[in-house]
């Protein structure tokens, strides 16, 4: 039987970017101004993060906008 690569999660690069800047669920909740369960949901599935929230992550969380753009373009 041929080897089949395991499927990657669609938003794994976005999640790695957030965790790379040490934005845990609690820090993300304070940045976005939402509850801890909502922040945890956004961290587990970054596809749910809106453009306004990405802007807050860039401004308040100090993640360079160039790196966010790079993740979206790859």
Protein backbone atom coordinates (compact mmCIF):
# COMPACT_ATOMS: atom_id res chain seq x y z
CA UNK A 1 0.00 0.00 0.00
CA UNK A 2 1.44 3.44 -0.90
CA UNK A 3 2.38 5.96 1.74
CA UNK A 4 -0.16 8.72 2.27
CA UNK A 5 0.90 11.90 4.05
CA UNK A 6 -1.21 12.75 7.06
CA UNK A 7 -3.55 15.67 6.44
CA UNK A 8 -2.47 18.98 7.94
CA UNK A 9 -4.88 21.12 9.83
CA UNK A 10 -5.91 24.05 7.62
CA UNK A 11 -5.02 26.84 10.06
CA UNK A 12 -2.00 25.30 11.78
CA UNK A 13 0.40 28.07 10.63
CA UNK A 14 -1.82 30.74 12.18
CA UNK A 15 -1.98 28.82 15.45
CA UNK A 16 1.80 28.41 15.48
CA UNK A 17 2.22 32.13 14.89
CA UNK A 18 0.05 32.98 17.89
CA UNK A 19 1.76 30.45 20.13
CA UNK A 20 5.17 31.59 18.88
CA UNK A 21 4.46 35.01 20.33
CA UNK A 22 3.31 33.33 23.56
CA UNK A 23 -0.31 34.35 23.08
CA UNK A 24 -2.02 31.77 25.23
CA UNK A 25 -5.77 31.68 25.67
CA UNK A 26 -5.68 33.96 28.70
CA UNK A 27 -3.48 36.56 26.99
CA UNK A 28 -5.56 36.34 23.83
CA UNK A 29 -8.72 36.90 25.86
CA UNK A 30 -7.32 40.11 27.33
CA UNK A 31 -6.17 41.32 23.90
CA UNK A 32 -9.47 40.59 22.16
CA UNK A 33 -11.65 41.60 25.09
CA UNK A 34 -13.56 38.33 25.15
CA UNK A 35 -14.08 35.46 27.58
CA UNK A 36 -11.53 32.73 28.16
CA UNK A 37 -13.59 29.96 26.47
CA UNK A 38 -14.04 32.15 23.38
CA UNK A 39 -10.31 32.90 23.24
CA UNK A 40 -9.53 29.20 23.63
CA UNK A 41 -11.90 28.44 20.74
CA UNK A 42 -10.21 31.09 18.58
CA UNK A 43 -6.78 29.70 19.46
CA UNK A 44 -7.80 26.14 18.59
CA UNK A 45 -9.40 27.26 15.32
CA UNK A 46 -7.78 30.51 14.10
CA UNK A 47 -10.06 30.48 11.07
CA UNK A 48 -12.71 32.01 13.34
CA UNK A 49 -10.61 35.10 14.06
CA UNK A 50 -12.00 38.14 12.26
CA UNK A 51 -9.93 40.81 10.52
CA UNK A 52 -10.67 43.27 13.31
CA UNK A 53 -9.36 40.74 15.84
CA UNK A 54 -6.20 40.18 13.76
CA UNK A 55 -5.73 43.96 13.83
CA UNK A 56 -6.00 43.93 17.63
CA UNK A 57 -3.53 41.04 17.81
CA UNK A 58 -1.11 43.08 15.73
CA UNK A 59 -1.52 46.34 17.66
CA UNK A 60 -1.97 45.14 21.23
CA UNK A 61 -0.27 41.74 21.05
CA UNK A 62 2.77 43.15 19.23
CA UNK A 63 2.72 40.63 16.38
CA UNK A 64 4.12 42.28 13.22
CA UNK A 65 1.50 42.69 10.51
CA UNK A 66 4.04 41.44 7.94
CA UNK A 67 4.18 38.05 9.68
CA UNK A 68 0.39 37.85 9.80
CA UNK A 69 0.21 38.62 6.07
CA UNK A 70 2.88 36.02 5.35
CA UNK A 71 0.88 33.33 7.13
CA UNK A 72 -2.21 34.19 5.07
CA UNK A 73 -0.32 34.14 1.77
CA UNK A 74 1.33 30.76 2.28
